[in-house]
Amino acid sequence: MSPPVAPPGWSRWLVPPAALSVHLSIGQAYAWSVFKPPLESALGLSGTQSALPFQLAIVMLGLSAAFGGTLVERNGPRWAMTVALVCFSSGFLISALGAATEQYWLIVLGYGFVGGTGLGIGYISPVSTLIKWFPDRPGMATGIAIMGFGGGALIASPWSAQMLKSFGSDSSGIAVAFLVHGLSYAVFMTLGVLLVRVPRGETPTASGPSALDGVQVSARAAVRTPQFWLLWVVLCMNVTAGIGILEKAAPMITDFFADSSTPVTVSAAAGFVALLSAANMAGRIGWSSTSDLIGRKNIYRVYLGVGALMYALIAWFGDSSKPLFVLSALVILSFYGGGFATVPAYLKDLFGTYQVGAIHGRLLTAWSTAGVLGPLIVNRIADHQEAAGKHGSSLYGLSFLIMIGLLAVGFVANEFVRPVHARHHIPAPREAADVARQQPESA
C-alpha cells in the first residue's frame, strides 16, 4: 500500500483529525480497569489475573512500536493505520469470543497480544506524517494526536460502564460489550485511514520551512548515538514518575487522608482519577505546544525539575492539604502527558524527519520499561510498609523519594543531550532519492 499523496490545495489541518481518530480509539487502553471487576466476578479471577491483558497490551505496544517502526516509515501512515485498525478491532472480537466461551486465555491473547500490537503500530502511525506536515510547529502537531491517546479513556470509561450496565456484567454481557467495542472502533478508525495523506513535496506550506531542513539520521544510526539513549533515560524517568501516581491514584488519595477529619469518599476518589486523566490529556497539547516556543530541552527541564518539586511537596506536606495534594498530582500528570507528546518533536530536532517514526518506535521501549517500573516501586513499597504496621501517607513516603531521585537522573540525562555528530548524518543524495520515491509518478 503506497502512501496516499495529498492533491494540490489539500489542507494540512485535515491530518490531525485523521490521527485523532486512531489515537482516541486506542486510548481505550487506559479504561481497561472498567472491565476488571466484572471479569473477576464472572470468571473467578484475581486482581493480578484480570490485569494481565492490560499489562501484556502495554508490553506489546512498546515491542510492536520498536520492531514495526521501520515498516511504518516504509509503507506510510495509511498502511500503519490499517494494520492498527485490524489488530485493535480483532483483539476485541477475539476477547468477545473468550468472554462468551469463558476462556480467559482468549481475552489475554486478543486484547493483550493482538490488540496490543495494534496499540503500538497505531500509536506511532501518524507521528512522522504530522511532523512532515507541520515542520514549523512539530510539538503542537504531535501533541494534538497524542492528546487523543490520553483522552480516549474519558470517552471509553463511561461508555464501557453503560454497556456493562445495559448488557449485564456476566460473561455474556462482557462478550457483547467487547463485540460492540471492536465493531465501533473499526468504523471510527476507518475515518483516519481514508483521510490521512502525506505531503506532496518537502515544503507542505508556501511560507513554511522544508520538512527536510537540518540534520537527517537513519533509525539504525540513531540507536548508536548517545543522544538516543539519553532521551530513552529521560522518557523512562518521566513516565515512571507519572505512572507511579496514575496507576494507584484512587487508593493513594484515600490513604493520604484516611486519618483526617474529612476522609476521601469513593466517589471523590473516582473524581480525582478523572481529573488526572484530564490533566494528562491537557498536558499533551499544552506543554508540547509550549515546547515550540521555548525549546525541547527547556520544556524537559520543567517536566523533570518541577516534577521533582511537586513530588517533594506531596511527600512532605501532601497529607496536610487536599488542594496541595491534588494540584501537585495534576501538575505531575500534565508533565507525564506532555513528555509523551513532546518527545517526537525532540527526536525530530536531533535526528530530522527521515525516519523519525521508526526512531520514535524504538524509543517507546522506555514506556514499556516504565510501565513495569513505576507501579512496581509504588505497590511493592506500599505493601512492605503496610506489613510493617504503617498506614496513611507513610505507605508512600519512600516511593516518592525514589521518584524524586529518578526525576533527578532524567534531569541530568537531559542536560547531556547535544547535537548529533556529523558522522551519523545521511548524505543528501540518498535522502533526496528516498523522498523522490514517495512522490507520485506524475504530478
Protein backbone atom coordinates (compact mmCIF):
# COMPACT_ATOMS: atom_id res chain seq x y z
CA MET A 1 0.00 0.00 0.00
CA SER A 2 1.71 3.18 -1.19
CA PRO A 3 1.38 6.32 0.94
CA PRO A 4 -1.54 8.46 -0.32
CA VAL A 5 -0.16 11.80 -1.54
CA ALA A 6 -2.16 14.95 -0.92
CA PRO A 7 -3.60 16.59 -4.05
CA PRO A 8 -2.81 20.26 -4.72
CA GLY A 9 -4.61 22.53 -2.27
CA TRP A 10 -5.07 19.82 0.37
CA SER A 11 -5.34 21.37 3.84
CA ARG A 12 -2.79 20.06 6.30
CA TRP A 13 -5.35 20.64 9.07
CA LEU A 14 -7.22 17.54 7.88
CA VAL A 15 -4.34 15.34 9.02
CA PRO A 16 -4.62 15.89 12.83
CA PRO A 17 -8.28 14.70 12.84
CA ALA A 18 -7.16 11.56 10.97
CA ALA A 19 -4.55 10.94 13.65
CA LEU A 20 -7.05 11.68 16.42
CA SER A 21 -9.50 9.07 15.11
CA VAL A 22 -6.83 6.43 15.70
CA HIS A 23 -5.47 7.74 19.00
CA LEU A 24 -8.88 8.34 20.58
CA SER A 25 -9.70 4.71 19.75
CA ILE A 26 -6.55 3.03 21.04
CA GLY A 27 -6.66 5.32 24.09
CA GLN A 28 -9.35 2.92 25.33
CA ALA A 29 -6.46 1.01 26.90
CA TYR A 30 -6.47 3.44 29.83
CA ALA A 31 -10.09 2.40 30.56
CA TRP A 32 -9.36 -1.32 30.96
CA SER A 33 -9.99 -1.06 34.70
CA VAL A 34 -13.75 -0.78 33.96
CA PHE A 35 -13.71 -4.43 32.86
CA LYS A 36 -11.61 -5.73 35.76
CA PRO A 37 -14.36 -6.18 38.45
CA PRO A 38 -16.88 -7.81 36.04
CA LEU A 39 -14.22 -10.19 34.70
CA GLU A 40 -13.10 -11.11 38.22
CA SER A 41 -16.69 -11.84 39.23
CA ALA A 42 -17.76 -13.64 36.05
CA LEU A 43 -14.64 -15.77 35.55
CA GLY A 44 -13.38 -16.08 39.13
CA LEU A 45 -10.16 -14.17 38.53
CA SER A 46 -7.81 -12.48 40.96
CA GLY A 47 -6.86 -8.82 40.60
CA THR A 48 -3.47 -9.84 39.24
CA GLN A 49 -5.05 -12.11 36.64
CA SER A 50 -7.56 -9.50 35.49
CA ALA A 51 -4.72 -7.00 34.95
CA LEU A 52 -2.82 -9.38 32.64
CA PRO A 53 -4.47 -8.33 29.33
CA PHE A 54 -3.65 -4.66 30.03
CA GLN A 55 -0.09 -5.42 31.10
CA LEU A 56 0.56 -7.55 28.01
CA ALA A 57 -1.00 -4.85 25.80
CA ILE A 58 1.42 -2.22 27.12
CA VAL A 59 4.38 -4.55 26.66
CA MET A 60 3.25 -5.30 23.09
CA LEU A 61 2.77 -1.58 22.49
CA GLY A 62 6.45 -0.97 23.13
CA LEU A 63 7.64 -4.06 21.25
CA SER A 64 5.46 -3.57 18.16
CA ALA A 65 6.35 0.12 18.00
CA ALA A 66 10.05 -0.74 18.24
CA PHE A 67 10.05 -3.57 15.70
CA GLY A 68 7.37 -2.15 13.39
CA GLY A 69 8.64 1.43 13.26
CA THR A 70 10.73 0.91 10.12
CA LEU A 71 7.78 -0.74 8.34
CA VAL A 72 5.59 2.22 9.29
CA GLU A 73 8.12 4.59 7.75
CA ARG A 74 8.49 2.47 4.62
CA ASN A 75 4.82 1.80 3.94
CA GLY A 76 3.32 5.07 5.12
CA PRO A 77 0.55 6.16 7.51
CA ARG A 78 -2.39 4.59 5.69
CA TRP A 79 -0.81 1.13 5.85
CA ALA A 80 0.05 1.63 9.51
CA MET A 81 -3.43 2.86 10.44
CA THR A 82 -4.98 -0.09 8.57
CA VAL A 83 -2.80 -2.58 10.46
CA ALA A 84 -3.67 -0.84 13.73
CA LEU A 85 -7.38 -0.97 12.88
CA VAL A 86 -7.32 -4.68 12.04
CA CYS A 87 -5.27 -5.67 15.10
CA PHE A 88 -7.04 -3.47 17.64
CA SER A 89 -10.56 -4.37 16.48
CA SER A 90 -9.70 -8.05 16.07
CA GLY A 91 -8.34 -8.04 19.61
CA PHE A 92 -11.78 -7.06 20.91
CA LEU A 93 -13.52 -9.66 18.72
CA ILE A 94 -11.23 -12.43 19.97
CA SER A 95 -11.83 -11.19 23.52
CA ALA A 96 -15.59 -11.30 22.90
CA LEU A 97 -15.24 -14.96 21.91
CA GLY A 98 -13.16 -15.60 25.02
CA ALA A 99 -15.76 -13.99 27.29
CA ALA A 100 -18.64 -15.81 25.61
CA THR A 101 -16.93 -19.21 26.00
CA GLU A 102 -15.39 -18.29 29.39
CA GLN A 103 -11.90 -18.99 28.03
CA TYR A 104 -9.83 -16.27 29.70
CA TRP A 105 -6.70 -17.11 27.72
CA LEU A 106 -8.51 -15.88 24.59
CA ILE A 107 -9.09 -12.49 26.25
CA VAL A 108 -5.40 -12.30 27.15
CA LEU A 109 -4.44 -13.29 23.59
CA GLY A 110 -6.97 -10.98 21.96
CA TYR A 111 -6.76 -7.80 24.00
CA GLY A 112 -3.18 -8.24 25.19
CA PHE A 113 -1.25 -9.69 22.26
CA VAL A 114 -3.26 -8.89 19.13
CA GLY A 115 -4.81 -5.66 20.40
CA GLY A 116 -1.52 -4.58 21.97
CA THR A 117 0.19 -4.93 18.60
CA GLY A 118 -2.45 -2.57 17.19
CA LEU A 119 -1.74 -0.17 20.04
CA GLY A 120 1.95 0.12 19.15
CA ILE A 121 1.51 0.45 15.38
CA GLY A 122 -1.41 2.84 15.82
CA TYR A 123 0.45 4.98 18.34
CA ILE A 124 3.36 5.74 16.00
CA SER A 125 1.36 5.67 12.75
CA PRO A 126 0.75 9.44 12.38
CA VAL A 127 3.90 10.82 14.05
CA SER A 128 6.25 11.07 11.07
CA THR A 129 3.47 12.35 8.79
CA LEU A 130 2.38 15.05 11.22
CA ILE A 131 5.95 16.31 11.66
CA LYS A 132 6.36 16.50 7.87
CA TRP A 133 3.10 18.43 7.54
CA PHE A 134 3.98 20.81 10.40
CA PRO A 135 7.76 21.41 10.30
CA ASP A 136 7.07 24.88 11.72
CA ARG A 137 5.13 23.53 14.75
CA PRO A 138 6.04 19.87 15.33
CA GLY A 139 5.32 19.96 19.07
CA MET A 140 1.79 21.23 18.57
CA ALA A 141 1.10 18.74 15.75
CA THR A 142 2.19 15.65 17.64
CA GLY A 143 0.54 16.99 20.79
CA ILE A 144 -2.85 17.12 19.07
CA ALA A 145 -2.65 13.48 18.05
CA ILE A 146 -1.10 12.05 21.20
CA MET A 147 -3.61 14.07 23.22
CA GLY A 148 -6.16 11.61 21.86
CA PHE A 149 -4.43 8.64 23.47
CA GLY A 150 -4.56 10.37 26.84
CA GLY A 151 -8.19 11.36 26.37
CA GLY A 152 -9.50 8.11 24.92
CA ALA A 153 -10.38 6.81 28.37
CA LEU A 154 -12.58 9.83 29.06
CA ILE A 155 -14.85 8.51 26.31
CA ALA A 156 -14.31 4.79 26.80
CA SER A 157 -14.79 4.64 30.58
CA PRO A 158 -18.40 5.90 30.81
CA TRP A 159 -19.29 4.22 27.50
CA SER A 160 -17.99 0.84 28.68
CA ALA A 161 -19.66 1.21 32.08
CA GLN A 162 -23.00 1.99 30.43
CA MET A 163 -22.72 -1.03 28.13
CA LEU A 164 -21.99 -3.35 31.04
CA LYS A 165 -25.00 -1.88 32.83
CA SER A 166 -27.21 -2.42 29.76
CA PHE A 167 -25.92 -5.83 28.61
CA GLY A 168 -25.08 -7.19 32.07
CA SER A 169 -21.78 -7.81 33.81
CA ASP A 170 -21.84 -11.60 33.42
CA SER A 171 -19.69 -13.34 30.79
CA SER A 172 -22.28 -12.93 28.01
CA GLY A 173 -22.73 -9.23 28.77
CA ILE A 174 -18.97 -8.68 28.74
CA ALA A 175 -18.79 -10.53 25.40
CA VAL A 176 -21.40 -8.24 23.83
CA ALA A 177 -19.59 -5.16 25.18
CA PHE A 178 -16.30 -6.38 23.67
CA LEU A 179 -18.07 -7.06 20.35
CA VAL A 180 -19.59 -3.56 20.22
CA HIS A 181 -16.19 -2.05 21.04
CA GLY A 182 -14.47 -3.96 18.24
CA LEU A 183 -17.02 -3.01 15.58
CA SER A 184 -17.39 0.62 16.69
CA TYR A 185 -13.66 1.29 16.82
CA ALA A 186 -13.24 -0.31 13.38
CA VAL A 187 -15.70 2.21 11.91
CA PHE A 188 -14.16 5.18 13.74
CA MET A 189 -10.57 4.29 12.83
CA THR A 190 -11.59 3.84 9.19
CA LEU A 191 -12.17 7.61 9.07
CA GLY A 192 -8.48 8.14 9.78
CA VAL A 193 -7.42 5.55 7.20
CA LEU A 194 -9.47 7.30 4.50
CA LEU A 195 -8.50 10.84 5.48
CA VAL A 196 -4.73 10.63 6.00
CA ARG A 197 -2.33 11.98 3.35
CA VAL A 198 1.40 12.62 3.07
CA PRO A 199 2.72 15.97 1.78
CA ARG A 200 3.25 16.30 -1.98
CA GLY A 201 6.67 17.85 -1.51
CA GLU A 202 9.15 18.57 1.23
CA THR A 203 7.64 22.04 1.85
CA PRO A 204 3.95 21.50 2.76
CA THR A 205 3.14 25.22 3.08
CA ALA A 206 4.38 28.01 0.85
CA SER A 207 5.58 30.17 3.73
CA GLY A 208 6.81 27.35 5.97
CA PRO A 209 10.19 25.65 6.29
CA SER A 210 11.15 22.46 4.50
CA ALA A 211 10.45 19.21 6.30
CA LEU A 212 13.99 18.16 5.36
CA ASP A 213 15.81 21.18 6.77
CA GLY A 214 18.70 20.38 9.09
CA VAL A 215 20.19 17.08 10.20
CA GLN A 216 18.84 13.76 8.89
CA VAL A 217 19.74 10.47 10.63
CA SER A 218 18.52 6.93 9.92
CA ALA A 219 16.90 4.81 12.64
CA ARG A 220 19.77 2.31 12.54
CA ALA A 221 22.32 5.09 13.08
CA ALA A 222 20.19 6.87 15.70
CA VAL A 223 20.21 3.95 18.16
CA ARG A 224 24.02 4.03 18.07
CA THR A 225 24.17 7.61 19.29
CA PRO A 226 24.38 8.70 22.94
CA GLN A 227 21.57 11.20 22.23
CA PHE A 228 19.07 8.37 21.65
CA TRP A 229 19.92 6.62 24.90
CA LEU A 230 19.96 9.85 26.88
CA LEU A 231 16.44 10.56 25.61
CA TRP A 232 15.50 6.96 26.44
CA VAL A 233 16.50 7.62 30.05
CA VAL A 234 14.68 10.98 30.06
CA LEU A 235 11.42 9.44 28.81
CA CYS A 236 11.67 6.40 31.08
CA MET A 237 12.22 8.51 34.21
CA ASN A 238 9.43 10.95 33.36
CA VAL A 239 6.93 8.18 32.60
CA THR A 240 7.91 6.18 35.70
CA ALA A 241 7.20 9.21 37.89
CA GLY A 242 3.82 9.88 36.26
CA ILE A 243 2.53 6.34 36.09
CA GLY A 244 3.52 5.81 39.73
CA ILE A 245 0.63 8.11 40.69
CA LEU A 246 -1.71 7.26 37.82
CA GLU A 247 -1.78 3.52 38.46
CA LYS A 248 -2.67 3.85 42.17
CA ALA A 249 -4.43 7.21 42.20
CA ALA A 250 -7.72 6.30 43.90
CA PRO A 251 -6.33 4.26 46.83
CA MET A 252 -3.45 6.73 47.20
CA ILE A 253 -5.61 9.81 47.85
CA THR A 254 -7.85 7.70 50.12
CA ASP A 255 -4.85 6.54 52.17
CA PHE A 256 -3.35 10.04 52.43
CA PHE A 257 -6.44 11.48 54.13
CA ALA A 258 -7.80 8.36 55.89
CA ASP A 259 -6.91 9.75 59.31
CA SER A 260 -8.11 13.31 58.66
CA SER A 261 -11.40 14.82 59.79
CA THR A 262 -12.66 14.71 56.19
CA PRO A 263 -11.63 11.38 54.62
CA VAL A 264 -11.93 10.98 50.85
CA THR A 265 -15.05 9.12 49.70
CA VAL A 266 -15.10 6.55 46.91
CA SER A 267 -16.88 8.95 44.56
CA ALA A 268 -14.41 11.73 45.36
CA ALA A 269 -11.50 9.36 44.64
CA ALA A 270 -13.09 8.50 41.30
CA GLY A 271 -13.41 12.21 40.57
CA PHE A 272 -9.71 12.62 41.37
CA VAL A 273 -8.87 9.92 38.80
CA ALA A 274 -10.97 11.75 36.20
CA LEU A 275 -9.13 14.99 36.97
CA LEU A 276 -5.80 13.24 36.49
CA SER A 277 -6.95 11.95 33.09
CA ALA A 278 -7.95 15.47 32.09
CA ALA A 279 -4.54 16.82 33.21
CA ASN A 280 -2.81 14.04 31.29
CA MET A 281 -4.77 14.98 28.17
CA ALA A 282 -4.35 18.75 28.53
CA GLY A 283 -0.61 18.42 29.17
CA ARG A 284 -0.14 16.62 25.87
CA ILE A 285 -1.31 19.55 23.78
CA GLY A 286 -0.47 22.42 26.16
CA TRP A 287 3.10 21.58 27.11
CA SER A 288 4.07 20.18 23.70
CA SER A 289 2.86 23.41 22.05
CA THR A 290 4.85 25.40 24.61
CA SER A 291 7.95 23.44 23.58
CA ASP A 292 7.70 25.01 20.11
CA LEU A 293 8.24 28.38 21.81
CA ILE A 294 10.86 27.65 24.47
CA GLY A 295 12.61 24.60 23.03
CA ARG A 296 12.58 20.90 23.79
CA LYS A 297 15.46 20.80 26.28
CA ASN A 298 13.92 23.64 28.30
CA ILE A 299 10.49 22.03 28.48
CA TYR A 300 12.02 18.79 29.74
CA ARG A 301 13.85 20.79 32.39
CA VAL A 302 10.37 21.87 33.52
CA TYR A 303 8.92 18.34 33.37
CA LEU A 304 11.76 16.82 35.39
CA GLY A 305 12.78 19.67 37.69
CA VAL A 306 9.35 21.00 38.60
CA GLY A 307 8.04 17.43 38.66
CA ALA A 308 10.58 16.56 41.38
CA LEU A 309 9.47 19.65 43.32
CA MET A 310 5.81 18.54 43.09
CA TYR A 311 6.70 15.10 44.41
CA ALA A 312 8.59 16.72 47.30
CA LEU A 313 5.56 18.86 48.17
CA ILE A 314 3.31 15.79 48.26
CA ALA A 315 5.80 13.77 50.29
CA TRP A 316 6.30 16.41 52.96
CA PHE A 317 3.06 18.42 53.04
CA GLY A 318 0.52 16.47 50.97
CA ASP A 319 -1.32 14.87 53.89
CA SER A 320 -1.99 18.27 55.49
CA SER A 321 -3.71 19.88 52.50
CA LYS A 322 -6.03 18.28 49.95
CA PRO A 323 -5.75 21.20 47.49
CA LEU A 324 -1.94 20.95 47.60
CA PHE A 325 -2.04 17.17 47.08
CA VAL A 326 -4.49 17.41 44.17
CA LEU A 327 -2.77 20.36 42.48
CA SER A 328 0.68 18.77 42.73
CA ALA A 329 -0.62 15.47 41.33
CA LEU A 330 -2.34 17.27 38.46
CA VAL A 331 0.90 19.06 37.56
CA ILE A 332 2.84 15.77 37.63
CA LEU A 333 0.27 14.09 35.35
CA SER A 334 0.30 17.05 32.96
CA PHE A 335 4.09 16.59 32.71
CA TYR A 336 3.55 12.84 32.18
CA GLY A 337 1.31 13.54 29.19
CA GLY A 338 3.47 16.40 27.96
CA GLY A 339 6.55 14.19 27.97
CA PHE A 340 4.88 11.69 25.63
CA ALA A 341 3.71 14.40 23.23
CA THR A 342 6.96 16.37 23.15
CA VAL A 343 9.41 13.53 22.61
CA PRO A 344 8.64 13.05 18.86
CA ALA A 345 9.48 16.73 18.27
CA TYR A 346 12.65 16.35 20.36
CA LEU A 347 13.61 13.40 18.16
CA LYS A 348 12.89 15.46 15.05
CA ASP A 349 15.18 18.25 16.32
CA LEU A 350 18.02 15.77 16.90
CA PHE A 351 17.58 13.25 14.07
CA GLY A 352 15.43 15.00 11.45
CA THR A 353 12.28 13.69 9.76
CA TYR A 354 13.93 10.99 7.61
CA GLN A 355 12.94 8.04 9.85
CA VAL A 356 11.59 9.81 12.91
CA GLY A 357 8.64 7.40 13.20
CA ALA A 358 10.95 4.39 13.37
CA ILE A 359 13.21 6.13 15.89
CA HIS A 360 10.16 7.04 17.98
CA GLY A 361 9.02 3.42 17.91
CA ARG A 362 12.35 2.23 19.27
CA LEU A 363 12.29 4.89 21.97
CA LEU A 364 8.91 3.67 23.22
CA THR A 365 10.60 0.66 24.78
CA ALA A 366 11.27 3.18 27.57
CA TRP A 367 7.49 3.29 28.10
CA SER A 368 7.29 -0.50 28.40
CA THR A 369 10.06 -0.41 30.99
CA ALA A 370 8.45 2.45 32.93
CA GLY A 371 5.05 0.73 32.78
CA VAL A 372 6.53 -2.08 34.86
CA LEU A 373 8.92 0.01 36.97
CA GLY A 374 6.53 2.74 38.21
CA PRO A 375 3.72 0.54 39.58
CA LEU A 376 6.28 -1.94 40.94
CA ILE A 377 8.02 0.74 43.01
CA VAL A 378 4.83 2.24 44.45
CA ASN A 379 2.97 -1.02 45.09
CA ARG A 380 5.88 -3.06 46.43
CA ILE A 381 6.94 -0.36 48.89
CA ALA A 382 3.34 0.30 49.98
CA ASP A 383 2.81 -3.42 50.62
CA HIS A 384 6.08 -3.62 52.57
CA GLN A 385 5.22 -0.56 54.68
CA GLU A 386 1.74 -1.89 55.41
CA ALA A 387 3.21 -5.21 56.51
CA ALA A 388 5.47 -3.23 58.87
CA GLY A 389 2.38 -1.70 60.51
CA LYS A 390 2.40 1.69 58.83
CA HIS A 391 -0.63 3.34 57.26
CA GLY A 392 -1.87 6.51 55.54
CA SER A 393 0.69 8.71 53.82
CA SER A 394 3.51 6.71 55.42
CA LEU A 395 2.86 3.98 52.86
CA TYR A 396 4.16 6.23 50.07
CA GLY A 397 6.91 8.43 51.53
CA LEU A 398 9.82 6.22 50.48
CA SER A 399 8.49 5.61 46.97
CA PHE A 400 8.04 9.36 46.45
CA LEU A 401 11.66 9.96 47.46
CA ILE A 402 12.70 7.33 44.91
CA MET A 403 10.62 9.13 42.25
CA ILE A 404 12.41 12.38 43.07
CA GLY A 405 15.73 10.58 42.58
CA LEU A 406 14.62 9.13 39.25
CA LEU A 407 13.48 12.55 38.02
CA ALA A 408 16.88 13.93 39.02
CA VAL A 409 18.54 11.22 36.92
CA GLY A 410 16.34 12.21 33.98
CA PHE A 411 17.17 15.90 34.50
CA VAL A 412 20.92 15.17 34.35
CA ALA A 413 20.49 12.98 31.24
CA ASN A 414 18.62 15.82 29.51
CA GLU A 415 21.47 18.21 30.28
CA PHE A 416 23.92 15.93 28.45
CA VAL A 417 21.91 15.96 25.20
CA ARG A 418 23.92 17.61 22.41
CA PRO A 419 23.54 17.84 18.61
CA VAL A 420 24.23 14.57 16.79
CA HIS A 421 27.76 14.19 15.41
CA ALA A 422 28.11 14.68 11.66
CA ARG A 423 29.36 11.12 11.13
CA HIS A 424 25.80 9.87 11.73
CA HIS A 425 24.21 12.21 9.16
CA ILE A 426 22.73 10.86 5.95
CA PRO A 427 24.28 12.16 2.68
CA ALA A 428 21.93 14.47 0.82
CA PRO A 429 21.73 12.39 -2.43
CA ARG A 430 20.44 9.32 -0.55
CA GLU A 431 17.94 11.43 1.31
CA ALA A 432 16.71 13.06 -1.89
CA ALA A 433 16.32 9.66 -3.58
CA ASP A 434 14.19 8.39 -0.70
CA VAL A 435 11.96 11.46 -0.88
CA ALA A 436 11.61 11.11 -4.64
CA ARG A 437 10.37 7.50 -4.28
CA GLN A 438 7.50 8.73 -2.10
CA GLN A 439 6.22 11.17 -4.72
CA PRO A 440 3.61 10.30 -7.40
CA GLU A 441 4.96 9.31 -10.79
CA SER A 442 3.14 12.18 -12.46
CA ALA A 443 2.34 15.40 -10.70
